[in-house]
Amino acid sequence: QGSVSPTRYQGSCSPGDMGGQSERSVAFDCTPQPAAYCPDWMAKLPDALPLSHLSIPGTHDSLSLFGGRRLRCQSWSLEAQLAAGIRFLDVRCKMAQGELHVYHLCTFQRASLRGVLRRTLRFLCAHPREAVLMRIKEELPSFSQRGFATQLHRCLLEEGHGHIWCREEVPTLGQVRGKIVVLEALAQKVLGIPYEQLSISDNWNVLSLKRKWRRAQRHLDRVASGDPTTMHLTFCSGNGLFTCPEEVARFVNPRCYQHLRRQRGQPVCWGVVIMDFPGAGLLQLIVDSNAPQASRLNMAAHDTSKASSQHPRGRGNKDHSQHSFTTCVHQDPSGWMSVPAPYLCHRTS
């Protein structure tokens, strides 16, 4: 799977640490290098799985690395996020000199949409069985600039090279392997899955950290017991007058980790879980929650294949159910090690 130069955890790594100021824990990470390397976790999932049936880790304001504590939402580069297993990107753009550039509010994030598309497709070229959801939003739409939709359409057409899903319906994983799946909220043109029609919890204006988590938790529970044909997005991120993205993430991420950890191993779909400064353990819990469902579909496919092979005219299909779900590289205080993903969720430090 490759290797990454080791770094050390700084501070406590206990999953029960709800308020420590460590730079890295299982749920929170504001260091430049992720403590996980999981670039191919979708590879063993069945093609027939709709994206709405998957648990997908994502980042909010994915390119927001600049602007100080008030605006900074991530500490990992785009490439580092993708390699760590992030499969939902939240990209905010404004028109500047005829091109779409990435902004957080009025702060330029030193990237263009064309560059983001190229870098993401470069990753997908190297990992062709993965897929990346990308929400593309006009930043500060109340000050909308003419030609945004036209420029977005041109950008997707010129940079996509047939590897961008711009249709309205939610696809299966098999339909979009190696592709970017666009989610957009344009008023007139349809350039992807209509974002506003999805099930979304995004209480971004945080007045109370406890209330923010309660709302995110309620939505996660609704997703777990809700309609699997609907795509659900839960934003665990937020900002506010008396707080900042890092402070919200330090509070919410560990609680999200504990909540998901209590239901590990069960066939639960969490939808798209979107975070600021996610930790490696939290990412792994989200990824691992796909394993029971994948195993169930693989067993069903195996039974169908077996029945087909027993039929006089059946040819049967090769059974892939013996494959492990995924393998990721994780870091603990003693350094890097590679272990099968189903065991990673049992880590306590």
Foldseek 3Di string as FASTA:
>chain_A
DDDDDWDFFFDDQFLPPQFDPTCAHQFFHQAAAAQKFFQALLQLFDQQAFLLLAQAEAAALQLQCDDPQATRQARYDPVRCNRLRHQEYEFEWDDDPNFTFTDGQPHGSPGGPLRSLQVVLVSLVVHQLGEHEYEYHYHPCVPPDPPPVVNVVVSCVVRQPVLEAQDQAGHGSNVRRSHYAYEYCDDPDRRGHDNVPAAEDCPAADPDLVVLLVSLVVQQVCSQPHDSRGAYEREQAHHYPPGGRNNSSSNRRSVLLVVLLVQQPHQGHRGYYYGGRTHSLSNLSSSRSCVVVSLVVLVVLQVVQVVQVPDPPRPGDDRPSVDQSGKMWGAHNVIIDIDRSSCSNVDRD
